[in-house]
């Protein structure tokens, strides 16, 4: 049986219990899970993570903090490109 199928069945069983539980916080969580169930199952089955995106976001925030602010969005974007763009500043043929 595919993992997505048994995972969906298990979540649906839990969601059914949560709605009948009468506990408002649990019902609220169940509603959120129900809205995103397909995405949750895909993330588990495909073993994807938003870790790389979170790491990049953290580095961008650090650029912003270290700069003590930017006068405009263009300068902020240029700083991101400069620090995270992976540019090679060595001349061609130079050993670096």
PDB file of N, CA and C in Angstrom:
ATOM      1  N   UNK A   1       0.849  -1.179   0.000  1.00  0.00           N
ATOM      2  CA  UNK A   1       0.000   0.000   0.000  1.00  0.00           C
ATOM      3  C   UNK A   1       0.893   1.240   0.000  1.00  0.00           C
ATOM      4  N   UNK A   2       0.677   2.192  -0.909  1.00  0.00           N
ATOM      5  CA  UNK A   2       1.517   3.387  -0.960  1.00  0.00           C
ATOM      6  C   UNK A   2       1.455   4.190   0.340  1.00  0.00           C
ATOM      7  N   UNK A   3       2.572   4.794   0.678  1.00  0.00           N
ATOM      8  CA  UNK A   3       2.663   5.550   1.936  1.00  0.00           C
ATOM      9  C   UNK A   3       1.643   6.684   1.983  1.00  0.00           C
ATOM     10  N   UNK A   4       1.407   7.326   0.843  1.00  0.00           N
ATOM     11  CA  UNK A   4       0.463   8.441   0.824  1.00  0.00           C
ATOM     12  C   UNK A   4      -0.937   7.961   1.212  1.00  0.00           C
ATOM     13  N   UNK A   5      -1.301   6.734   0.790  1.00  0.00           N
ATOM     14  CA  UNK A   5      -2.636   6.213   1.074  1.00  0.00           C
ATOM     15  C   UNK A   5      -2.821   5.929   2.564  1.00  0.00           C
ATOM     16  N   UNK A   6      -1.888   5.164   3.165  1.00  0.00           N
ATOM     17  CA  UNK A   6      -2.066   4.854   4.585  1.00  0.00           C
ATOM     18  C   UNK A   6      -1.900   6.092   5.444  1.00  0.00           C
ATOM     19  N   UNK A   7      -1.048   7.018   5.002  1.00  0.00           N
ATOM     20  CA  UNK A   7      -0.896   8.276   5.738  1.00  0.00           C
ATOM     21  C   UNK A   7      -2.187   9.075   5.736  1.00  0.00           C
ATOM     22  N   UNK A   8      -2.841   9.126   4.575  1.00  0.00           N
ATOM     23  CA  UNK A   8      -4.099   9.867   4.456  1.00  0.00           C
ATOM     24  C   UNK A   8      -5.162   9.231   5.341  1.00  0.00           C
ATOM     25  N   UNK A   9      -5.239   7.912   5.313  1.00  0.00           N
ATOM     26  CA  UNK A   9      -6.230   7.211   6.129  1.00  0.00           C
ATOM     27  C   UNK A   9      -5.997   7.486   7.625  1.00  0.00           C
ATOM     28  N   UNK A  10      -4.745   7.456   8.046  1.00  0.00           N
ATOM     29  CA  UNK A  10      -4.429   7.704   9.454  1.00  0.00           C
ATOM     30  C   UNK A  10      -4.809   9.121   9.862  1.00  0.00           C
ATOM     31  N   UNK A  11      -4.459  10.085   9.011  1.00  0.00           N
ATOM     32  CA  UNK A  11      -4.809  11.472   9.319  1.00  0.00           C
ATOM     33  C   UNK A  11      -6.309  11.670   9.337  1.00  0.00           C
ATOM     34  N   UNK A  12      -7.026  11.060   8.396  1.00  0.00           N
ATOM     35  CA  UNK A  12      -8.482  11.207   8.363  1.00  0.00           C
ATOM     36  C   UNK A  12      -9.118  10.630   9.628  1.00  0.00           C
ATOM     37  N   UNK A  13      -8.588   9.521  10.132  1.00  0.00           N
ATOM     38  CA  UNK A  13      -9.080   8.932  11.372  1.00  0.00           C
ATOM     39  C   UNK A  13      -8.856   9.892  12.536  1.00  0.00           C
ATOM     40  N   UNK A  14      -7.653  10.496  12.598  1.00  0.00           N
ATOM     41  CA  UNK A  14      -7.356  11.446  13.665  1.00  0.00           C
ATOM     42  C   UNK A  14      -8.228  12.688  13.539  1.00  0.00           C
ATOM     43  N   UNK A  15      -8.399  13.185  12.317  1.00  0.00           N
ATOM     44  CA  UNK A  15      -9.236  14.371  12.100  1.00  0.00           C
ATOM     45  C   UNK A  15     -10.670  14.107  12.556  1.00  0.00           C
ATOM     46  N   UNK A  16     -11.159  12.929  12.278  1.00  0.00           N
ATOM     47  CA  UNK A  16     -12.514  12.562  12.698  1.00  0.00           C
ATOM     48  C   UNK A  16     -12.625  12.611  14.215  1.00  0.00           C
ATOM     49  N   UNK A  17     -11.635  12.047  14.908  1.00  0.00           N
ATOM     50  CA  UNK A  17     -11.629  12.086  16.365  1.00  0.00           C
ATOM     51  C   UNK A  17     -11.556  13.518  16.869  1.00  0.00           C
ATOM     52  N   UNK A  18     -10.669  14.342  16.262  1.00  0.00           N
ATOM     53  CA  UNK A  18     -10.450  15.706  16.721  1.00  0.00           C
ATOM     54  C   UNK A  18     -11.727  16.535  16.624  1.00  0.00           C
ATOM     55  N   UNK A  19     -12.464  16.378  15.538  1.00  0.00           N
ATOM     56  CA  UNK A  19     -13.700  17.141  15.365  1.00  0.00           C
ATOM     57  C   UNK A  19     -14.739  16.723  16.414  1.00  0.00           C
ATOM     58  N   UNK A  20     -14.785  15.448  16.750  1.00  0.00           N
ATOM     59  CA  UNK A  20     -15.748  14.947  17.733  1.00  0.00           C
ATOM     60  C   UNK A  20     -15.309  15.181  19.170  1.00  0.00           C
ATOM     61  N   UNK A  21     -14.043  15.587  19.365  1.00  0.00           N
ATOM     62  CA  UNK A  21     -13.509  15.718  20.724  1.00  0.00           C
ATOM     63  C   UNK A  21     -14.199  16.803  21.531  1.00  0.00           C
ATOM     64  N   UNK A  22     -14.729  17.816  20.872  1.00  0.00           N
ATOM     65  CA  UNK A  22     -15.381  18.910  21.590  1.00  0.00           C
ATOM     66  C   UNK A  22     -14.406  19.924  22.158  1.00  0.00           C
ATOM     67  N   UNK A  23     -13.119  19.730  21.947  1.00  0.00           N
ATOM     68  CA  UNK A  23     -12.097  20.668  22.425  1.00  0.00           C
ATOM     69  C   UNK A  23     -11.798  21.674  21.320  1.00  0.00           C
ATOM     70  N   UNK A  24     -12.133  22.927  21.561  1.00  0.00           N
ATOM     71  CA  UNK A  24     -11.997  23.947  20.522  1.00  0.00           C
ATOM     72  C   UNK A  24     -10.572  24.092  19.976  1.00  0.00           C
ATOM     73  N   UNK A  25      -9.521  24.118  20.824  1.00  0.00           N
ATOM     74  CA  UNK A  25      -8.167  24.233  20.267  1.00  0.00           C
ATOM     75  C   UNK A  25      -7.818  23.056  19.340  1.00  0.00           C
ATOM     76  N   UNK A  26      -8.251  21.843  19.722  1.00  0.00           N
ATOM     77  CA  UNK A  26      -7.977  20.661  18.895  1.00  0.00           C
ATOM     78  C   UNK A  26      -8.755  20.757  17.588  1.00  0.00           C
ATOM     79  N   UNK A  27      -9.976  21.234  17.652  1.00  0.00           N
ATOM     80  CA  UNK A  27     -10.787  21.393  16.440  1.00  0.00           C
ATOM     81  C   UNK A  27     -10.154  22.405  15.489  1.00  0.00           C
ATOM     82  N   UNK A  28      -9.581  23.464  16.060  1.00  0.00           N
ATOM     83  CA  UNK A  28      -8.926  24.486  15.238  1.00  0.00           C
ATOM     84  C   UNK A  28      -7.699  23.898  14.526  1.00  0.00           C
ATOM     85  N   UNK A  29      -6.894  23.141  15.259  1.00  0.00           N
ATOM     86  CA  UNK A  29      -5.720  22.487  14.668  1.00  0.00           C
ATOM     87  C   UNK A  29      -6.167  21.498  13.590  1.00  0.00           C
ATOM     88  N   UNK A  30      -7.226  20.766  13.870  1.00  0.00           N
ATOM     89  CA  UNK A  30      -7.734  19.787  12.901  1.00  0.00           C
ATOM     90  C   UNK A  30      -8.166  20.481  11.613  1.00  0.00           C
ATOM     91  N   UNK A  31      -8.788  21.639  11.727  1.00  0.00           N
ATOM     92  CA  UNK A  31      -9.189  22.388  10.544  1.00  0.00           C
ATOM     93  C   UNK A  31      -7.993  22.804   9.704  1.00  0.00           C
ATOM     94  N   UNK A  32      -6.940  23.259  10.375  1.00  0.00           N
ATOM     95  CA  UNK A  32      -5.723  23.657   9.663  1.00  0.00           C
ATOM     96  C   UNK A  32      -5.087  22.456   8.976  1.00  0.00           C
ATOM     97  N   UNK A  33      -4.995  21.347   9.682  1.00  0.00           N
ATOM     98  CA  UNK A  33      -4.413  20.141   9.088  1.00  0.00           C
ATOM     99  C   UNK A  33      -5.241  19.678   7.897  1.00  0.00           C
ATOM    100  N   UNK A  34      -6.564  19.727   8.036  1.00  0.00           N
ATOM    101  CA  UNK A  34      -7.433  19.310   6.937  1.00  0.00           C
ATOM    102  C   UNK A  34      -7.209  20.184   5.703  1.00  0.00           C
ATOM    103  N   UNK A  35      -7.030  21.503   5.917  1.00  0.00           N
ATOM    104  CA  UNK A  35      -6.802  22.421   4.800  1.00  0.00           C
ATOM    105  C   UNK A  35      -5.495  22.125   4.064  1.00  0.00           C
ATOM    106  N   UNK A  36      -4.483  21.638   4.800  1.00  0.00           N
ATOM    107  CA  UNK A  36      -3.150  21.427   4.228  1.00  0.00           C
ATOM    108  C   UNK A  36      -2.741  19.957   4.161  1.00  0.00           C
ATOM    109  N   UNK A  37      -3.698  19.045   4.282  1.00  0.00           N
ATOM    110  CA  UNK A  37      -3.366  17.628   4.356  1.00  0.00           C
ATOM    111  C   UNK A  37      -2.591  17.134   3.133  1.00  0.00           C
ATOM    112  N   UNK A  38      -3.008  17.519   1.946  1.00  0.00           N
ATOM    113  CA  UNK A  38      -2.319  17.075   0.738  1.00  0.00           C
ATOM    114  C   UNK A  38      -0.860  17.534   0.742  1.00  0.00           C
ATOM    115  N   UNK A  39      -0.631  18.784   1.124  1.00  0.00           N
ATOM    116  CA  UNK A  39       0.737  19.310   1.168  1.00  0.00           C
ATOM    117  C   UNK A  39       1.574  18.584   2.225  1.00  0.00           C
ATOM    118  N   UNK A  40       0.976  18.287   3.365  1.00  0.00           N
ATOM    119  CA  UNK A  40       1.684  17.572   4.424  1.00  0.00           C
ATOM    120  C   UNK A  40       2.102  16.185   3.940  1.00  0.00           C
ATOM    121  N   UNK A  41       1.169  15.471   3.320  1.00  0.00           N
ATOM    122  CA  UNK A  41       1.475  14.122   2.833  1.00  0.00           C
ATOM    123  C   UNK A  41       2.546  14.153   1.748  1.00  0.00           C
ATOM    124  N   UNK A  42       2.482  15.119   0.845  1.00  0.00           N
ATOM    125  CA  UNK A  42       3.506  15.234  -0.198  1.00  0.00           C
ATOM    126  C   UNK A  42       4.878  15.496   0.400  1.00  0.00           C
ATOM    127  N   UNK A  43       4.937  16.364   1.398  1.00  0.00           N
ATOM    128  CA  UNK A  43       6.227  16.682   2.019  1.00  0.00           C
ATOM    129  C   UNK A  43       6.829  15.442   2.677  1.00  0.00           C
ATOM    130  N   UNK A  44       5.991  14.620   3.301  1.00  0.00           N
ATOM    131  CA  UNK A  44       6.482  13.412   3.966  1.00  0.00           C
ATOM    132  C   UNK A  44       6.917  12.365   2.941  1.00  0.00           C
ATOM    133  N   UNK A  45       6.081  12.123   1.945  1.00  0.00           N
ATOM    134  CA  UNK A  45       6.378  11.080   0.954  1.00  0.00           C
ATOM    135  C   UNK A  45       7.576  11.459   0.095  1.00  0.00           C
ATOM    136  N   UNK A  46       7.640  12.717  -0.329  1.00  0.00           N
ATOM    137  CA  UNK A  46       8.731  13.157  -1.208  1.00  0.00           C
ATOM    138  C   UNK A  46       9.984  13.551  -0.439  1.00  0.00           C
ATOM    139  N   UNK A  47       9.889  13.556   0.892  1.00  0.00           N
ATOM    140  CA  UNK A  47      11.014  13.901   1.767  1.00  0.00           C
ATOM    141  C   UNK A  47      11.613  15.260   1.420  1.00  0.00           C
ATOM    142  N   UNK A  48      10.747  16.254   1.263  1.00  0.00           N
ATOM    143  CA  UNK A  48      11.204  17.606   0.975  1.00  0.00           C
ATOM    144  C   UNK A  48      11.266  18.405   2.272  1.00  0.00           C
ATOM    145  N   UNK A  49      12.063  19.449   2.222  1.00  0.00           N
ATOM    146  CA  UNK A  49      12.240  20.285   3.402  1.00  0.00           C
ATOM    147  C   UNK A  49      12.374  21.732   2.962  1.00  0.00           C
ATOM    148  N   UNK A  50      11.941  22.643   3.808  1.00  0.00           N
ATOM    149  CA  UNK A  50      12.143  24.051   3.514  1.00  0.00           C
ATOM    150  C   UNK A  50      13.405  24.561   4.211  1.00  0.00           C
ATOM    151  N   UNK A  51      14.218  23.651   4.706  1.00  0.00           N
ATOM    152  CA  UNK A  51      15.456  24.010   5.385  1.00  0.00           C
ATOM    153  C   UNK A  51      16.380  24.901   4.570  1.00  0.00           C
ATOM    154  N   UNK A  52      16.648  24.565   3.285  1.00  0.00           N
ATOM    155  CA  UNK A  52      17.515  25.443   2.497  1.00  0.00           C
ATOM    156  C   UNK A  52      16.956  26.861   2.345  1.00  0.00           C
ATOM    157  N   UNK A  53      15.647  26.972   2.161  1.00  0.00           N
ATOM    158  CA  UNK A  53      15.038  28.302   2.037  1.00  0.00           C
ATOM    159  C   UNK A  53      15.150  29.066   3.355  1.00  0.00           C
ATOM    160  N   UNK A  54      14.952  28.385   4.474  1.00  0.00           N
ATOM    161  CA  UNK A  54      15.063  29.034   5.781  1.00  0.00           C
ATOM    162  C   UNK A  54      16.498  29.482   6.039  1.00  0.00           C
ATOM    163  N   UNK A  55      17.473  28.662   5.609  1.00  0.00           N
ATOM    164  CA  UNK A  55      18.871  29.041   5.770  1.00  0.00           C
ATOM    165  C   UNK A  55      19.219  30.283   4.971  1.00  0.00           C
ATOM    166  N   UNK A  56      18.721  30.341   3.732  1.00  0.00           N
ATOM    167  CA  UNK A  56      18.960  31.514   2.892  1.00  0.00           C
ATOM    168  C   UNK A  56      18.295  32.748   3.501  1.00  0.00           C
ATOM    169  N   UNK A  57      17.076  32.585   3.994  1.00  0.00           N
ATOM    170  CA  UNK A  57      16.368  33.693   4.625  1.00  0.00           C
ATOM    171  C   UNK A  57      17.134  34.204   5.843  1.00  0.00           C
ATOM    172  N   UNK A  58      17.710  33.293   6.609  1.00  0.00           N
ATOM    173  CA  UNK A  58      18.490  33.678   7.777  1.00  0.00           C
ATOM    174  C   UNK A  58      19.713  34.502   7.367  1.00  0.00           C
ATOM    175  N   UNK A  59      20.365  34.092   6.294  1.00  0.00           N
ATOM    176  CA  UNK A  59      21.544  34.838   5.819  1.00  0.00           C
ATOM    177  C   UNK A  59      21.154  36.227   5.321  1.00  0.00           C
ATOM    178  N   UNK A  60      19.994  36.334   4.660  1.00  0.00           N
ATOM    179  CA  UNK A  60      19.517  37.638   4.189  1.00  0.00           C
ATOM    180  C   UNK A  60      19.203  38.540   5.381  1.00  0.00           C
ATOM    181  N   UNK A  61      18.579  37.982   6.406  1.00  0.00           N
ATOM    182  CA  UNK A  61      18.279  38.774   7.604  1.00  0.00           C
ATOM    183  C   UNK A  61      19.559  39.264   8.269  1.00  0.00           C
ATOM    184  N   UNK A  62      20.600  38.428   8.262  1.00  0.00           N
ATOM    185  CA  UNK A  62      21.869  38.831   8.863  1.00  0.00           C
ATOM    186  C   UNK A  62      22.488  39.998   8.090  1.00  0.00           C
ATOM    187  N   UNK A  63      22.377  39.984   6.771  1.00  0.00           N
ATOM    188  CA  UNK A  63      22.867  41.108   5.958  1.00  0.00           C
ATOM    189  C   UNK A  63      22.133  42.375   6.355  1.00  0.00           C
ATOM    190  N   UNK A  64      20.841  42.279   6.524  1.00  0.00           N
ATOM    191  CA  UNK A  64      20.020  43.433   6.897  1.00  0.00           C
ATOM    192  C   UNK A  64      20.414  43.965   8.277  1.00  0.00           C
ATOM    193  N   UNK A  65      20.635  43.071   9.236  1.00  0.00           N
ATOM    194  CA  UNK A  65      20.998  43.484  10.593  1.00  0.00           C
ATOM    195  C   UNK A  65      22.376  44.135  10.606  1.00  0.00           C
ATOM    196  N   UNK A  66      23.322  43.510   9.934  1.00  0.00           N
ATOM    197  CA  UNK A  66      24.694  44.046   9.934  1.00  0.00           C
ATOM    198  C   UNK A  66      24.803  45.401   9.239  1.00  0.00           C
ATOM    199  N   UNK A  67      23.907  45.658   8.311  1.00  0.00           N
ATOM    200  CA  UNK A  67      23.989  46.914   7.571  1.00  0.00           C
ATOM    201  C   UNK A  67      23.386  48.070   8.350  1.00  0.00           C
ATOM    202  N   UNK A  68      22.639  47.772   9.401  1.00  0.00           N
ATOM    203  CA  UNK A  68      21.917  48.780  10.180  1.00  0.00           C
ATOM    204  C   UNK A  68      20.875  49.494   9.322  1.00  0.00           C
ATOM    205  N   UNK A  69      20.348  48.796   8.328  1.00  0.00           N
ATOM    206  CA  UNK A  69      19.296  49.360   7.484  1.00  0.00           C
ATOM    207  C   UNK A  69      19.825  49.852   6.149  1.00  0.00           C
ATOM    208  N   UNK A  70      18.940  49.952   5.197  1.00  0.00           N
ATOM    209  CA  UNK A  70      19.286  50.439   3.871  1.00  0.00           C
ATOM    210  C   UNK A  70      18.414  51.637   3.537  1.00  0.00           C
ATOM    211  N   UNK A  71      18.938  52.526   2.710  1.00  0.00           N
ATOM    212  CA  UNK A  71      18.163  53.713   2.330  1.00  0.00           C
ATOM    213  C   UNK A  71      17.056  53.377   1.341  1.00  0.00           C
ATOM    214  N   UNK A  72      17.284  52.351   0.508  1.00  0.00           N
ATOM    215  CA  UNK A  72      16.231  51.950  -0.423  1.00  0.00           C
ATOM    216  C   UNK A  72      16.349  50.457  -0.742  1.00  0.00           C
ATOM    217  N   UNK A  73      15.322  49.944  -1.381  1.00  0.00           N
ATOM    218  CA  UNK A  73      15.249  48.505  -1.668  1.00  0.00           C
ATOM    219  C   UNK A  73      16.311  48.063  -2.665  1.00  0.00           C
ATOM    220  N   UNK A  74      16.698  48.941  -3.586  1.00  0.00           N
ATOM    221  CA  UNK A  74      17.705  48.579  -4.590  1.00  0.00           C
ATOM    222  C   UNK A  74      19.049  48.290  -3.925  1.00  0.00           C
ATOM    223  N   UNK A  75      19.420  49.098  -2.950  1.00  0.00           N
ATOM    224  CA  UNK A  75      20.695  48.865  -2.256  1.00  0.00           C
ATOM    225  C   UNK A  75      20.652  47.567  -1.446  1.00  0.00           C
ATOM    226  N   UNK A  76      19.504  47.279  -0.870  1.00  0.00           N
ATOM    227  CA  UNK A  76      19.342  46.036  -0.130  1.00  0.00           C
ATOM    228  C   UNK A  76      19.483  44.841  -1.073  1.00  0.00           C
ATOM    229  N   UNK A  77      18.827  44.911  -2.222  1.00  0.00           N
ATOM    230  CA  UNK A  77      18.922  43.835  -3.209  1.00  0.00           C
ATOM    231  C   UNK A  77      20.362  43.675  -3.688  1.00  0.00           C
ATOM    232  N   UNK A  78      21.058  44.773  -3.930  1.00  0.00           N
ATOM    233  CA  UNK A  78      22.451  44.701  -4.368  1.00  0.00           C
ATOM    234  C   UNK A  78      23.338  44.049  -3.314  1.00  0.00           C
ATOM    235  N   UNK A  79      23.082  44.330  -2.042  1.00  0.00           N
ATOM    236  CA  UNK A  79      23.866  43.712  -0.973  1.00  0.00           C
ATOM    237  C   UNK A  79      23.620  42.205  -0.936  1.00  0.00           C
ATOM    238  N   UNK A  80      22.379  41.798  -1.151  1.00  0.00           N
ATOM    239  CA  UNK A  80      22.064  40.366  -1.168  1.00  0.00           C
ATOM    240  C   UNK A  80      22.797  39.693  -2.323  1.00  0.00           C
ATOM    241  N   UNK A  81      22.720  40.306  -3.514  1.00  0.00           N
ATOM    242  CA  UNK A  81      23.421  39.734  -4.673  1.00  0.00           C
ATOM    243  C   UNK A  81      24.927  39.673  -4.425  1.00  0.00           C
ATOM    244  N   UNK A  82      25.477  40.718  -3.828  1.00  0.00           N
ATOM    245  CA  UNK A  82      26.912  40.781  -3.592  1.00  0.00           C
ATOM    246  C   UNK A  82      27.360  39.678  -2.624  1.00  0.00           C
ATOM    247  N   UNK A  83      26.652  39.531  -1.518  1.00  0.00           N
ATOM    248  CA  UNK A  83      27.076  38.577  -0.492  1.00  0.00           C
ATOM    249  C   UNK A  83      26.656  37.132  -0.772  1.00  0.00           C
ATOM    250  N   UNK A  84      25.541  36.940  -1.456  1.00  0.00           N
ATOM    251  CA  UNK A  84      25.016  35.588  -1.630  1.00  0.00           C
ATOM    252  C   UNK A  84      24.936  35.138  -3.082  1.00  0.00           C
ATOM    253  N   UNK A  85      25.373  35.978  -3.996  1.00  0.00           N
ATOM    254  CA  UNK A  85      25.207  35.670  -5.410  1.00  0.00           C
ATOM    255  C   UNK A  85      26.172  34.646  -5.973  1.00  0.00           C
ATOM    256  N   UNK A  86      27.180  34.278  -5.218  1.00  0.00           N
ATOM    257  CA  UNK A  86      28.142  33.288  -5.700  1.00  0.00           C
ATOM    258  C   UNK A  86      28.989  33.805  -6.852  1.00  0.00           C
ATOM    259  N   UNK A  87      29.242  35.096  -6.863  1.00  0.00           N
ATOM    260  CA  UNK A  87      30.018  35.684  -7.938  1.00  0.00           C
ATOM    261  C   UNK A  87      31.497  35.379  -7.762  1.00  0.00           C
ATOM    262  N   UNK A  88      32.185  35.234  -8.881  1.00  0.00           N
ATOM    263  CA  UNK A  88      33.619  34.996  -8.869  1.00  0.00           C
ATOM    264  C   UNK A  88      34.295  36.306  -9.260  1.00  0.00           C
ATOM    265  N   UNK A  89      34.986  36.938  -8.309  1.00  0.00           N
ATOM    266  CA  UNK A  89      35.600  38.227  -8.561  1.00  0.00           C
ATOM    267  C   UNK A  89      37.045  38.119  -9.054  1.00  0.00           C
ATOM    268  N   UNK A  90      37.538  36.891  -9.193  1.00  0.00           N
ATOM    269  CA  UNK A  90      38.893  36.703  -9.675  1.00  0.00           C
ATOM    270  C   UNK A  90      38.923  36.854 -11.176  1.00  0.00           C
ATOM    271  N   UNK A  91      39.981  37.470 -11.732  1.00  0.00           N
ATOM    272  CA  UNK A  91      40.107  37.551 -13.180  1.00  0.00           C
ATOM    273  C   UNK A  91      40.244  36.150 -13.792  1.00  0.00           C
ATOM    274  N   UNK A  92      39.878  36.018 -15.029  1.00  0.00           N
ATOM    275  CA  UNK A  92      39.989  34.730 -15.694  1.00  0.00           C
ATOM    276  C   UNK A  92      41.429  34.251 -15.698  1.00  0.00           C
ATOM    277  N   UNK A  93      41.617  32.990 -15.363  1.00  0.00           N
ATOM    278  CA  UNK A  93      42.958  32.415 -15.354  1.00  0.00           C
ATOM    279  C   UNK A  93      43.693  32.623 -14.048  1.00  0.00           C
ATOM    280  N   UNK A  94      43.161  33.452 -13.150  1.00  0.00           N
ATOM    281  CA  UNK A  94      43.834  33.692 -11.861  1.00  0.00           C
ATOM    282  C   UNK A  94      43.562  32.519 -10.925  1.00  0.00           C
ATOM    283  N   UNK A  95      44.528  32.227 -10.108  1.00  0.00           N
ATOM    284  CA  UNK A  95      44.373  31.159  -9.132  1.00  0.00           C
ATOM    285  C   UNK A  95      43.735  31.764  -7.888  1.00  0.00           C
ATOM    286  N   UNK A  96      42.634  31.149  -7.415  1.00  0.00           N
ATOM    287  CA  UNK A  96      41.959  31.745  -6.268  1.00  0.00           C
ATOM    288  C   UNK A  96      41.627  30.835  -5.249  1.00  0.00           C
TER     289      UNK A  96
END
